[in-house]
Structures are given as C-alpha cells and as structure tokens.
N, C-alpha and C. Protein backbone atom coordinates (compact mmCIF):
# COMPACT_ATOMS: atom_id res chain seq x y z
N MET A 1 10.00 -2.36 -27.12
CA MET A 1 8.62 -2.73 -27.36
C MET A 1 8.23 -3.84 -26.37
N LYS A 2 7.12 -3.66 -25.71
CA LYS A 2 6.71 -4.57 -24.65
C LYS A 2 6.52 -6.01 -25.12
N SER A 3 6.00 -6.21 -26.32
CA SER A 3 5.71 -7.56 -26.78
C SER A 3 6.97 -8.40 -26.98
N ASN A 4 8.12 -7.75 -27.17
CA ASN A 4 9.37 -8.46 -27.39
C ASN A 4 10.13 -8.75 -26.08
N ARG A 5 9.60 -8.31 -24.98
CA ARG A 5 10.29 -8.51 -23.70
C ARG A 5 10.26 -9.99 -23.31
N PRO A 6 11.36 -10.44 -22.70
CA PRO A 6 11.38 -11.84 -22.24
C PRO A 6 10.34 -12.07 -21.15
N ARG A 7 9.74 -13.22 -21.17
CA ARG A 7 8.79 -13.62 -20.13
C ARG A 7 9.50 -14.68 -19.30
N ILE A 8 9.97 -14.25 -18.14
CA ILE A 8 10.70 -15.17 -17.28
C ILE A 8 10.04 -15.22 -15.90
N GLN A 9 10.21 -16.35 -15.26
CA GLN A 9 9.68 -16.54 -13.91
C GLN A 9 10.72 -15.99 -12.92
N ILE A 10 10.29 -15.08 -12.06
CA ILE A 10 11.19 -14.51 -11.05
C ILE A 10 10.96 -15.26 -9.74
N LYS A 11 12.03 -15.84 -9.22
CA LYS A 11 11.92 -16.59 -7.97
C LYS A 11 11.89 -15.63 -6.80
N LEU A 12 11.11 -16.00 -5.77
CA LEU A 12 11.03 -15.20 -4.56
C LEU A 12 12.29 -15.38 -3.73
N SER A 13 12.94 -14.27 -3.40
CA SER A 13 14.08 -14.31 -2.50
C SER A 13 13.55 -14.32 -1.06
N THR A 14 14.45 -14.47 -0.12
CA THR A 14 14.06 -14.44 1.29
C THR A 14 13.42 -13.09 1.63
N SER A 15 13.99 -12.00 1.15
CA SER A 15 13.42 -10.69 1.45
C SER A 15 12.04 -10.51 0.81
N ASP A 16 11.84 -11.10 -0.37
CA ASP A 16 10.52 -11.06 -1.01
C ASP A 16 9.50 -11.83 -0.17
N LYS A 17 9.89 -12.98 0.33
CA LYS A 17 9.00 -13.78 1.18
C LYS A 17 8.67 -13.03 2.46
N ILE A 18 9.65 -12.34 3.02
CA ILE A 18 9.43 -11.55 4.23
C ILE A 18 8.45 -10.41 3.95
N LEU A 19 8.66 -9.70 2.83
CA LEU A 19 7.75 -8.62 2.46
C LEU A 19 6.33 -9.12 2.26
N GLU A 20 6.17 -10.25 1.59
CA GLU A 20 4.84 -10.82 1.37
C GLU A 20 4.19 -11.20 2.70
N THR A 21 4.97 -11.80 3.59
CA THR A 21 4.45 -12.20 4.90
C THR A 21 4.04 -10.98 5.72
N ILE A 22 4.88 -9.97 5.73
CA ILE A 22 4.56 -8.73 6.45
C ILE A 22 3.29 -8.11 5.89
N GLY A 23 3.19 -8.04 4.57
CA GLY A 23 2.01 -7.46 3.93
C GLY A 23 0.72 -8.20 4.29
N ILE A 24 0.76 -9.51 4.21
CA ILE A 24 -0.43 -10.32 4.54
C ILE A 24 -0.79 -10.16 6.01
N LEU A 25 0.21 -10.24 6.89
CA LEU A 25 -0.06 -10.11 8.33
C LEU A 25 -0.63 -8.73 8.66
N LEU A 26 -0.07 -7.68 8.06
CA LEU A 26 -0.59 -6.33 8.29
C LEU A 26 -2.03 -6.21 7.78
N LEU A 27 -2.30 -6.79 6.62
CA LEU A 27 -3.64 -6.73 6.07
C LEU A 27 -4.64 -7.47 6.97
N ILE A 28 -4.25 -8.61 7.49
CA ILE A 28 -5.11 -9.37 8.40
C ILE A 28 -5.34 -8.56 9.69
N CYS A 29 -4.26 -8.02 10.26
CA CYS A 29 -4.40 -7.21 11.48
C CYS A 29 -5.29 -6.00 11.24
N TYR A 30 -5.12 -5.39 10.09
CA TYR A 30 -5.94 -4.23 9.71
C TYR A 30 -7.41 -4.62 9.65
N GLY A 31 -7.72 -5.72 8.98
CA GLY A 31 -9.11 -6.18 8.88
C GLY A 31 -9.70 -6.54 10.24
N VAL A 32 -8.92 -7.24 11.06
CA VAL A 32 -9.39 -7.60 12.40
C VAL A 32 -9.62 -6.34 13.24
N GLY A 33 -8.71 -5.39 13.12
CA GLY A 33 -8.86 -4.13 13.86
C GLY A 33 -10.13 -3.39 13.49
N VAL A 34 -10.43 -3.33 12.21
CA VAL A 34 -11.66 -2.67 11.75
C VAL A 34 -12.88 -3.42 12.28
N ALA A 35 -12.87 -4.73 12.17
CA ALA A 35 -14.01 -5.53 12.64
C ALA A 35 -14.22 -5.38 14.15
N LEU A 36 -13.14 -5.37 14.92
CA LEU A 36 -13.26 -5.25 16.37
C LEU A 36 -13.69 -3.85 16.81
N SER A 37 -13.28 -2.84 16.05
CA SER A 37 -13.61 -1.47 16.44
C SER A 37 -15.02 -1.06 16.00
N TYR A 38 -15.58 -1.75 15.03
CA TYR A 38 -16.90 -1.37 14.49
C TYR A 38 -17.97 -1.23 15.58
N PRO A 39 -18.11 -2.19 16.50
CA PRO A 39 -19.17 -2.05 17.52
C PRO A 39 -18.96 -0.85 18.46
N LEU A 40 -17.74 -0.36 18.56
CA LEU A 40 -17.44 0.77 19.44
C LEU A 40 -17.77 2.13 18.83
N LEU A 41 -18.02 2.14 17.53
CA LEU A 41 -18.18 3.40 16.81
C LEU A 41 -19.57 3.99 16.99
N PRO A 42 -19.63 5.34 17.02
CA PRO A 42 -20.94 5.99 17.00
C PRO A 42 -21.54 5.88 15.59
N ASP A 43 -22.78 6.29 15.44
CA ASP A 43 -23.45 6.17 14.14
C ASP A 43 -22.80 7.03 13.05
N THR A 44 -22.17 8.14 13.43
CA THR A 44 -21.49 9.02 12.48
C THR A 44 -20.01 9.07 12.84
N ILE A 45 -19.18 8.87 11.82
CA ILE A 45 -17.72 8.87 12.03
C ILE A 45 -17.04 9.78 11.02
N PRO A 46 -15.80 10.20 11.30
CA PRO A 46 -15.04 10.96 10.30
C PRO A 46 -14.75 10.06 9.10
N ILE A 47 -14.90 10.61 7.92
CA ILE A 47 -14.59 9.82 6.71
C ILE A 47 -13.61 10.52 5.78
N HIS A 48 -13.24 11.75 6.11
CA HIS A 48 -12.29 12.45 5.25
C HIS A 48 -11.48 13.44 6.07
N TYR A 49 -10.22 13.59 5.67
CA TYR A 49 -9.29 14.51 6.34
C TYR A 49 -8.65 15.40 5.29
N ASN A 50 -8.35 16.65 5.67
CA ASN A 50 -7.63 17.53 4.74
C ASN A 50 -6.14 17.27 4.86
N ALA A 51 -5.33 18.01 4.12
CA ALA A 51 -3.89 17.79 4.10
C ALA A 51 -3.23 18.06 5.45
N SER A 52 -3.88 18.83 6.31
CA SER A 52 -3.35 19.09 7.65
C SER A 52 -3.79 18.04 8.65
N GLY A 53 -4.55 17.07 8.21
CA GLY A 53 -5.01 16.01 9.09
C GLY A 53 -6.27 16.36 9.86
N GLU A 54 -6.92 17.46 9.50
CA GLU A 54 -8.15 17.87 10.18
C GLU A 54 -9.35 17.20 9.50
N ILE A 55 -10.32 16.82 10.30
CA ILE A 55 -11.53 16.18 9.79
C ILE A 55 -12.33 17.20 8.99
N ASP A 56 -12.70 16.83 7.77
CA ASP A 56 -13.53 17.72 6.96
C ASP A 56 -14.69 16.98 6.28
N GLY A 57 -15.02 15.81 6.80
CA GLY A 57 -16.16 15.07 6.28
C GLY A 57 -16.58 13.97 7.24
N TYR A 58 -17.89 13.75 7.32
CA TYR A 58 -18.45 12.71 8.20
C TYR A 58 -19.37 11.81 7.40
N GLY A 59 -19.54 10.59 7.89
CA GLY A 59 -20.45 9.65 7.24
C GLY A 59 -20.91 8.58 8.20
N ALA A 60 -21.67 7.64 7.68
CA ALA A 60 -22.19 6.54 8.49
C ALA A 60 -21.06 5.63 8.95
N LYS A 61 -21.24 5.01 10.10
CA LYS A 61 -20.18 4.16 10.65
C LYS A 61 -19.86 2.97 9.75
N GLU A 62 -20.80 2.55 8.91
CA GLU A 62 -20.55 1.45 7.98
C GLU A 62 -19.46 1.79 6.97
N SER A 63 -19.23 3.09 6.77
CA SER A 63 -18.20 3.51 5.81
C SER A 63 -16.80 3.13 6.27
N ILE A 64 -16.66 2.69 7.52
CA ILE A 64 -15.35 2.25 8.02
C ILE A 64 -14.83 1.07 7.18
N PHE A 65 -15.75 0.32 6.57
CA PHE A 65 -15.35 -0.84 5.77
C PHE A 65 -14.92 -0.46 4.35
N GLY A 66 -15.26 0.74 3.90
CA GLY A 66 -14.94 1.16 2.54
C GLY A 66 -13.45 1.18 2.26
N LEU A 67 -12.69 1.81 3.14
CA LEU A 67 -11.25 1.91 2.94
C LEU A 67 -10.59 0.53 3.04
N LEU A 68 -11.11 -0.30 3.94
CA LEU A 68 -10.59 -1.67 4.06
C LEU A 68 -10.79 -2.44 2.76
N ILE A 69 -11.98 -2.32 2.18
CA ILE A 69 -12.26 -3.02 0.92
C ILE A 69 -11.35 -2.50 -0.19
N VAL A 70 -11.18 -1.20 -0.27
CA VAL A 70 -10.28 -0.62 -1.29
C VAL A 70 -8.86 -1.12 -1.06
N GLY A 71 -8.42 -1.16 0.19
CA GLY A 71 -7.08 -1.65 0.52
C GLY A 71 -6.88 -3.09 0.11
N ILE A 72 -7.87 -3.92 0.39
CA ILE A 72 -7.78 -5.33 0.01
C ILE A 72 -7.73 -5.48 -1.51
N LEU A 73 -8.59 -4.74 -2.20
CA LEU A 73 -8.60 -4.81 -3.67
C LEU A 73 -7.28 -4.33 -4.27
N LEU A 74 -6.73 -3.25 -3.73
CA LEU A 74 -5.42 -2.77 -4.21
C LEU A 74 -4.34 -3.82 -3.95
N TYR A 75 -4.36 -4.41 -2.78
CA TYR A 75 -3.37 -5.43 -2.43
C TYR A 75 -3.44 -6.61 -3.39
N ILE A 76 -4.66 -7.09 -3.63
CA ILE A 76 -4.85 -8.21 -4.56
C ILE A 76 -4.43 -7.82 -5.97
N GLY A 77 -4.85 -6.64 -6.41
CA GLY A 77 -4.50 -6.18 -7.75
C GLY A 77 -2.99 -6.06 -7.95
N LEU A 78 -2.31 -5.49 -6.97
CA LEU A 78 -0.86 -5.37 -7.07
C LEU A 78 -0.18 -6.74 -6.99
N SER A 79 -0.75 -7.66 -6.23
CA SER A 79 -0.21 -9.01 -6.16
C SER A 79 -0.31 -9.70 -7.52
N VAL A 80 -1.44 -9.54 -8.18
CA VAL A 80 -1.60 -10.11 -9.52
C VAL A 80 -0.63 -9.45 -10.49
N LEU A 81 -0.47 -8.15 -10.37
CA LEU A 81 0.42 -7.40 -11.25
C LEU A 81 1.86 -7.92 -11.21
N THR A 82 2.30 -8.39 -10.04
CA THR A 82 3.68 -8.88 -9.93
C THR A 82 3.92 -10.13 -10.77
N LYS A 83 2.88 -10.76 -11.24
CA LYS A 83 3.02 -11.96 -12.10
C LYS A 83 3.35 -11.59 -13.54
N TYR A 84 3.23 -10.30 -13.88
CA TYR A 84 3.41 -9.87 -15.26
C TYR A 84 4.42 -8.72 -15.39
N PRO A 85 5.64 -8.91 -14.91
CA PRO A 85 6.60 -7.80 -14.95
C PRO A 85 6.98 -7.39 -16.37
N HIS A 86 6.78 -8.24 -17.33
CA HIS A 86 7.10 -7.89 -18.72
C HIS A 86 6.15 -6.83 -19.28
N HIS A 87 5.05 -6.56 -18.57
CA HIS A 87 4.11 -5.51 -19.00
C HIS A 87 4.34 -4.17 -18.29
N PHE A 88 5.24 -4.13 -17.32
CA PHE A 88 5.52 -2.89 -16.60
C PHE A 88 6.18 -1.87 -17.53
N ASN A 89 6.13 -0.62 -17.12
CA ASN A 89 6.90 0.42 -17.81
C ASN A 89 8.26 0.52 -17.12
N TYR A 90 9.31 0.59 -17.90
CA TYR A 90 10.67 0.64 -17.37
C TYR A 90 11.39 1.86 -17.91
N PRO A 91 12.31 2.42 -17.12
CA PRO A 91 13.05 3.61 -17.59
C PRO A 91 14.15 3.26 -18.60
N ILE A 92 14.42 1.97 -18.78
CA ILE A 92 15.43 1.54 -19.76
C ILE A 92 14.84 0.44 -20.63
N ASP A 93 15.53 0.13 -21.72
CA ASP A 93 15.10 -0.96 -22.58
C ASP A 93 15.35 -2.29 -21.87
N ILE A 94 14.41 -3.19 -21.97
CA ILE A 94 14.53 -4.51 -21.36
C ILE A 94 15.06 -5.46 -22.42
N THR A 95 16.15 -6.11 -22.07
CA THR A 95 16.79 -7.08 -22.96
C THR A 95 16.87 -8.42 -22.23
N PRO A 96 17.16 -9.49 -22.95
CA PRO A 96 17.33 -10.78 -22.26
C PRO A 96 18.44 -10.73 -21.20
N GLN A 97 19.43 -9.86 -21.40
CA GLN A 97 20.54 -9.76 -20.47
C GLN A 97 20.16 -9.04 -19.17
N ASN A 98 19.28 -8.06 -19.23
CA ASN A 98 18.95 -7.29 -18.02
C ASN A 98 17.55 -7.57 -17.48
N ALA A 99 16.80 -8.43 -18.15
CA ALA A 99 15.40 -8.64 -17.78
C ALA A 99 15.24 -9.13 -16.34
N GLU A 100 16.00 -10.13 -15.94
CA GLU A 100 15.83 -10.68 -14.59
C GLU A 100 16.10 -9.62 -13.52
N LYS A 101 17.17 -8.87 -13.70
CA LYS A 101 17.51 -7.83 -12.73
C LYS A 101 16.43 -6.74 -12.68
N GLN A 102 15.97 -6.29 -13.84
CA GLN A 102 14.96 -5.24 -13.90
C GLN A 102 13.61 -5.72 -13.36
N TYR A 103 13.21 -6.91 -13.74
CA TYR A 103 11.94 -7.46 -13.26
C TYR A 103 11.98 -7.65 -11.74
N THR A 104 13.10 -8.17 -11.24
CA THR A 104 13.23 -8.39 -9.80
C THR A 104 13.10 -7.08 -9.03
N ALA A 105 13.78 -6.04 -9.50
CA ALA A 105 13.72 -4.73 -8.83
C ALA A 105 12.31 -4.14 -8.90
N ALA A 106 11.66 -4.28 -10.05
CA ALA A 106 10.31 -3.73 -10.21
C ALA A 106 9.30 -4.47 -9.33
N ILE A 107 9.41 -5.78 -9.28
CA ILE A 107 8.50 -6.56 -8.44
C ILE A 107 8.73 -6.24 -6.97
N ARG A 108 9.98 -6.09 -6.58
CA ARG A 108 10.27 -5.72 -5.19
C ARG A 108 9.65 -4.36 -4.86
N MET A 109 9.73 -3.41 -5.80
CA MET A 109 9.11 -2.10 -5.58
C MET A 109 7.61 -2.25 -5.33
N VAL A 110 6.95 -3.09 -6.12
CA VAL A 110 5.52 -3.29 -5.96
C VAL A 110 5.21 -3.94 -4.61
N ARG A 111 6.05 -4.87 -4.18
CA ARG A 111 5.85 -5.51 -2.87
C ARG A 111 5.98 -4.49 -1.74
N ILE A 112 6.97 -3.64 -1.82
CA ILE A 112 7.15 -2.60 -0.80
C ILE A 112 5.97 -1.63 -0.84
N LEU A 113 5.52 -1.32 -2.04
CA LEU A 113 4.36 -0.43 -2.19
C LEU A 113 3.10 -1.06 -1.58
N LYS A 114 2.92 -2.36 -1.73
CA LYS A 114 1.77 -3.03 -1.11
C LYS A 114 1.80 -2.87 0.41
N VAL A 115 2.95 -3.09 1.01
CA VAL A 115 3.08 -2.93 2.46
C VAL A 115 2.82 -1.48 2.85
N SER A 116 3.34 -0.54 2.08
CA SER A 116 3.14 0.88 2.35
C SER A 116 1.66 1.25 2.30
N ILE A 117 0.95 0.75 1.31
CA ILE A 117 -0.48 1.05 1.18
C ILE A 117 -1.25 0.51 2.38
N VAL A 118 -0.95 -0.70 2.79
CA VAL A 118 -1.65 -1.27 3.95
C VAL A 118 -1.37 -0.43 5.19
N ILE A 119 -0.12 0.00 5.38
CA ILE A 119 0.22 0.84 6.54
C ILE A 119 -0.55 2.16 6.49
N ILE A 120 -0.56 2.80 5.34
CA ILE A 120 -1.26 4.08 5.21
C ILE A 120 -2.75 3.91 5.50
N PHE A 121 -3.38 2.92 4.88
CA PHE A 121 -4.81 2.71 5.09
C PHE A 121 -5.11 2.36 6.54
N ALA A 122 -4.28 1.53 7.16
CA ALA A 122 -4.49 1.15 8.56
C ALA A 122 -4.35 2.37 9.47
N LEU A 123 -3.40 3.24 9.18
CA LEU A 123 -3.23 4.46 9.99
C LEU A 123 -4.44 5.38 9.85
N ILE A 124 -4.95 5.49 8.63
CA ILE A 124 -6.15 6.31 8.42
C ILE A 124 -7.33 5.73 9.22
N GLU A 125 -7.51 4.43 9.13
CA GLU A 125 -8.60 3.78 9.88
C GLU A 125 -8.40 3.95 11.38
N CYS A 126 -7.18 3.81 11.85
CA CYS A 126 -6.89 3.98 13.28
C CYS A 126 -7.26 5.39 13.73
N GLN A 127 -6.85 6.37 12.95
CA GLN A 127 -7.18 7.76 13.29
C GLN A 127 -8.69 7.98 13.24
N THR A 128 -9.34 7.37 12.29
CA THR A 128 -10.80 7.49 12.18
C THR A 128 -11.48 6.94 13.43
N VAL A 129 -11.06 5.75 13.84
CA VAL A 129 -11.66 5.13 15.03
C VAL A 129 -11.38 5.99 16.26
N LEU A 130 -10.13 6.41 16.43
CA LEU A 130 -9.78 7.22 17.60
C LEU A 130 -10.58 8.53 17.63
N SER A 131 -10.68 9.19 16.48
CA SER A 131 -11.44 10.43 16.41
C SER A 131 -12.92 10.19 16.68
N ALA A 132 -13.44 9.10 16.15
CA ALA A 132 -14.87 8.80 16.31
C ALA A 132 -15.25 8.54 17.77
N ILE A 133 -14.31 7.95 18.53
CA ILE A 133 -14.64 7.65 19.92
C ILE A 133 -14.17 8.75 20.87
N GLY A 134 -13.75 9.89 20.30
CA GLY A 134 -13.49 11.07 21.12
C GLY A 134 -12.06 11.41 21.43
N HIS A 135 -11.11 10.69 20.87
CA HIS A 135 -9.71 11.02 21.11
C HIS A 135 -9.26 12.14 20.18
N GLU A 136 -8.28 12.87 20.62
CA GLU A 136 -7.74 13.98 19.83
C GLU A 136 -7.00 13.44 18.60
N ASN A 137 -6.99 14.22 17.54
CA ASN A 137 -6.28 13.86 16.32
C ASN A 137 -4.79 13.74 16.64
N THR A 138 -4.24 12.55 16.42
CA THR A 138 -2.85 12.31 16.77
C THR A 138 -1.87 12.47 15.60
N PHE A 139 -2.35 12.46 14.38
CA PHE A 139 -1.45 12.52 13.23
C PHE A 139 -1.15 13.94 12.78
N GLY A 140 -2.18 14.74 12.68
CA GLY A 140 -2.00 16.14 12.32
C GLY A 140 -1.18 16.36 11.07
N LYS A 141 -0.26 17.31 11.16
CA LYS A 141 0.53 17.75 10.01
C LYS A 141 1.58 16.72 9.58
N PHE A 142 1.86 15.75 10.42
CA PHE A 142 2.92 14.79 10.10
C PHE A 142 2.44 13.64 9.22
N PHE A 143 1.12 13.51 9.08
CA PHE A 143 0.61 12.37 8.33
C PHE A 143 0.90 12.49 6.84
N MET A 144 0.68 13.66 6.25
CA MET A 144 0.89 13.83 4.81
C MET A 144 2.36 13.58 4.41
N PRO A 145 3.35 14.13 5.13
CA PRO A 145 4.73 13.78 4.78
C PRO A 145 5.01 12.28 4.90
N LEU A 146 4.40 11.63 5.89
CA LEU A 146 4.57 10.19 6.05
C LEU A 146 3.99 9.45 4.85
N VAL A 147 2.82 9.86 4.39
CA VAL A 147 2.19 9.24 3.23
C VAL A 147 3.07 9.43 2.00
N ILE A 148 3.59 10.62 1.82
CA ILE A 148 4.45 10.90 0.66
C ILE A 148 5.70 10.01 0.71
N LEU A 149 6.29 9.89 1.89
CA LEU A 149 7.47 9.03 2.04
C LEU A 149 7.14 7.58 1.73
N LEU A 150 6.02 7.09 2.26
CA LEU A 150 5.64 5.69 2.04
C LEU A 150 5.25 5.40 0.59
N MET A 151 4.72 6.39 -0.10
CA MET A 151 4.34 6.17 -1.50
C MET A 151 5.51 6.35 -2.47
N PHE A 152 6.34 7.34 -2.21
CA PHE A 152 7.44 7.61 -3.14
C PHE A 152 8.72 6.89 -2.76
N GLY A 153 8.83 6.44 -1.52
CA GLY A 153 10.01 5.68 -1.09
C GLY A 153 10.26 4.46 -1.97
N PRO A 154 9.24 3.61 -2.20
CA PRO A 154 9.46 2.46 -3.07
C PRO A 154 9.88 2.84 -4.49
N LEU A 155 9.32 3.93 -5.01
CA LEU A 155 9.69 4.38 -6.35
C LEU A 155 11.15 4.84 -6.39
N ILE A 156 11.56 5.58 -5.38
CA ILE A 156 12.95 6.03 -5.31
C ILE A 156 13.89 4.83 -5.18
N TYR A 157 13.49 3.86 -4.33
CA TYR A 157 14.26 2.62 -4.18
C TYR A 157 14.44 1.95 -5.55
N TYR A 158 13.34 1.83 -6.28
CA TYR A 158 13.40 1.18 -7.58
C TYR A 158 14.29 1.94 -8.56
N MET A 159 14.14 3.25 -8.60
CA MET A 159 14.94 4.04 -9.55
C MET A 159 16.44 3.87 -9.28
N ILE A 160 16.80 3.85 -8.01
CA ILE A 160 18.21 3.66 -7.65
C ILE A 160 18.66 2.26 -8.03
N LYS A 161 17.84 1.28 -7.69
CA LYS A 161 18.18 -0.12 -7.96
C LYS A 161 18.27 -0.40 -9.46
N SER A 162 17.35 0.13 -10.24
CA SER A 162 17.34 -0.15 -11.67
C SER A 162 18.42 0.59 -12.44
N SER A 163 18.94 1.67 -11.87
CA SER A 163 19.96 2.43 -12.59
C SER A 163 21.36 1.85 -12.40
N LYS A 164 21.52 0.93 -11.46
CA LYS A 164 22.86 0.33 -11.22
C LYS A 164 23.18 -0.74 -12.24
C-alpha cells in the first residue's frame, strides 16, 4: 500500500549529478538551437512525421516552439516527480529494508528518461529545421527504432536494476 511506504530522502550520487547536468545542458542547447533557427525558417514548416520519418503535416513556423515548450514542461514535471518516489508504482513491495535501493533505481530511471526525452525532442526539432530549409530527411526509417530504444531503455535498465 502506497501510504505505508517509507518517505526517505535519496542523496544524489555522482552519476545522478552527471545525468542532471547533461539533461539541463541539453535542454539549454535545445532551446538556444530553436531560438537561433527560428529566423531562418520559412513561414510554413513540417510539424508532423509518420513512422517512416516522412513529413505528413505542415504548420506555421511559430509551431517550432510547441515541442520545445512540451519538452520543458515534461522535464520540469519529471524533475518534480523524482522528489516523491514513495508514490511511484513498483513491481515489488516496498519495505523499509528495500526502499532506498528501489527509490534510487526508480529515480535514476526517471533521470535517464528526462535526458532521453530531451534528445528525442531535439532530434525532431533538428529534422524539422533541416527539412524546412530544404535539406533532405536524414532520419528516415531509423528514427522510430531510436525513439523506442531511448524510451524503453530506461525502463529496461530499471527492471534489471530493481530485480537484483
């Protein structure tokens, strides 16, 4: 039962600090990249891609900021979520004996997921900018497997870590 779970403070390890730093730096670079590329964009840009990486939707160039805003909100939301690991869903019962280990693994998974989300969103924005200014689609069929790896990789990492 979630209400009976221990509420403990999880200290940041060196790898956690590195992940947080990488995530913040990537998010800043992503935002700067979008801001710098905005003046170069035509009035209409690609805004949607199918599973094969082909453009299947267009919109106003201002929409370039939409994905950035969603990415920032997701990053902030997941950062706040890491403060409450006792509310997460776990594949095993959480006890005072295993709480620190389980919380640490779950929080690390969320940190890796934050970095993955920023990478995915930045790649989408990069492809959008390149396509909008006339470059050929560079991601194609390889983008969807990359997204799947980046999204499910942290989950697989966590499942392995939590089962030990």
